[in-house]
């Protein structure tokens, strides 16, 4: 398996290489899904490694073909470093503000679209911008690429809190978003559904919750608290997590599943994880005794992954590896993004 790995990443370069490794199924998907791939909102936490994975998979899938497929990354790219790194990996970069309808209209055609743009952090302070980013931007992009197949990232936050013993929300669970962020993400889904209904667009909606790498994510949030001796909040006592590389692979493999009406997929880890247990396991690796705050509620934000497992199999990166890697990364003081997940929030305020 191309994607398999056990060695601990020691630098951001090694980490990004690991996160962008395609597996055989990813390569096979691009082999049977011709045409350019455009990634909208590629400058966020996941976008750069997903774009690199697309480029790596396409290079193998298209070997020997006379015309190179374009992998195009679109973002504001406030950091030239991020844009330069993508260019060095064979990715075409376009700087554009997706809030600008005219800029979106000028984007090149592509039959394959990965939509990743959105805003979560700062929702409580700037709700109007959150709605613009999570509803208006999707409307611009869905209209521009109405003739393409679109994989659109959403979030498991559109679901209500569900009993921790119930197996998680399924794709058929009626959305009941808590807070403005989650409500605006449901609005994002509705925009893609509208263009599917009115323009015949083929769409796959990805309800992702808690992808992690080592610079951010639920495990990193918990590990930092354990390392610093800060109490770990456990009112939201259970979570699902998935390695970002595994999430990237499934997102690309979803392209041929885009359909009309839209296909919806919960994308997360398959295990119900106790926050208390995760803190204890990280504490053992870090040589620190975790402290806790509060007590576990009987419900949490959890997703059922039966559809994902049936279609794409189980995530390939084991929990014990993720815990080893996160503990090592935090203990060694390696770079962090400084964007906590606020996984503990039960009121939807981010």
Foldseek 3Di string as FASTA:
>chain_A
DQLDDQDFDDAPVSLLVNLLTADPLLLVLDLPVDKAEEEEALPDDQNLSLLLNNLVSQCVSCPPPPDGHAREYEELCPDVVSVVVSVVSVHHYDHDDLLDLVRLLPDDAIQHYEYDWADQPCCQPCVVVRLSGLAVSLLSNCVNHLVHEYEYEAALQQAAWDFLPPQADEPPGDGDHFDSNSVSSVNSVVSNQVSCVVVVHFYEYEHEDFADGQQATDLLVLLLCQLVQHADECQQFKDWYAHSSLVSNVSSSCRVVRGVVGHYAYDTAQDTDTSVVSSCLLCVLQVGDHHHDDDYDRTHSGHHHPVVCVPPNHHDDDPVSRSNNNSVCVNVVHHHPPDYPCRVDNRSHD
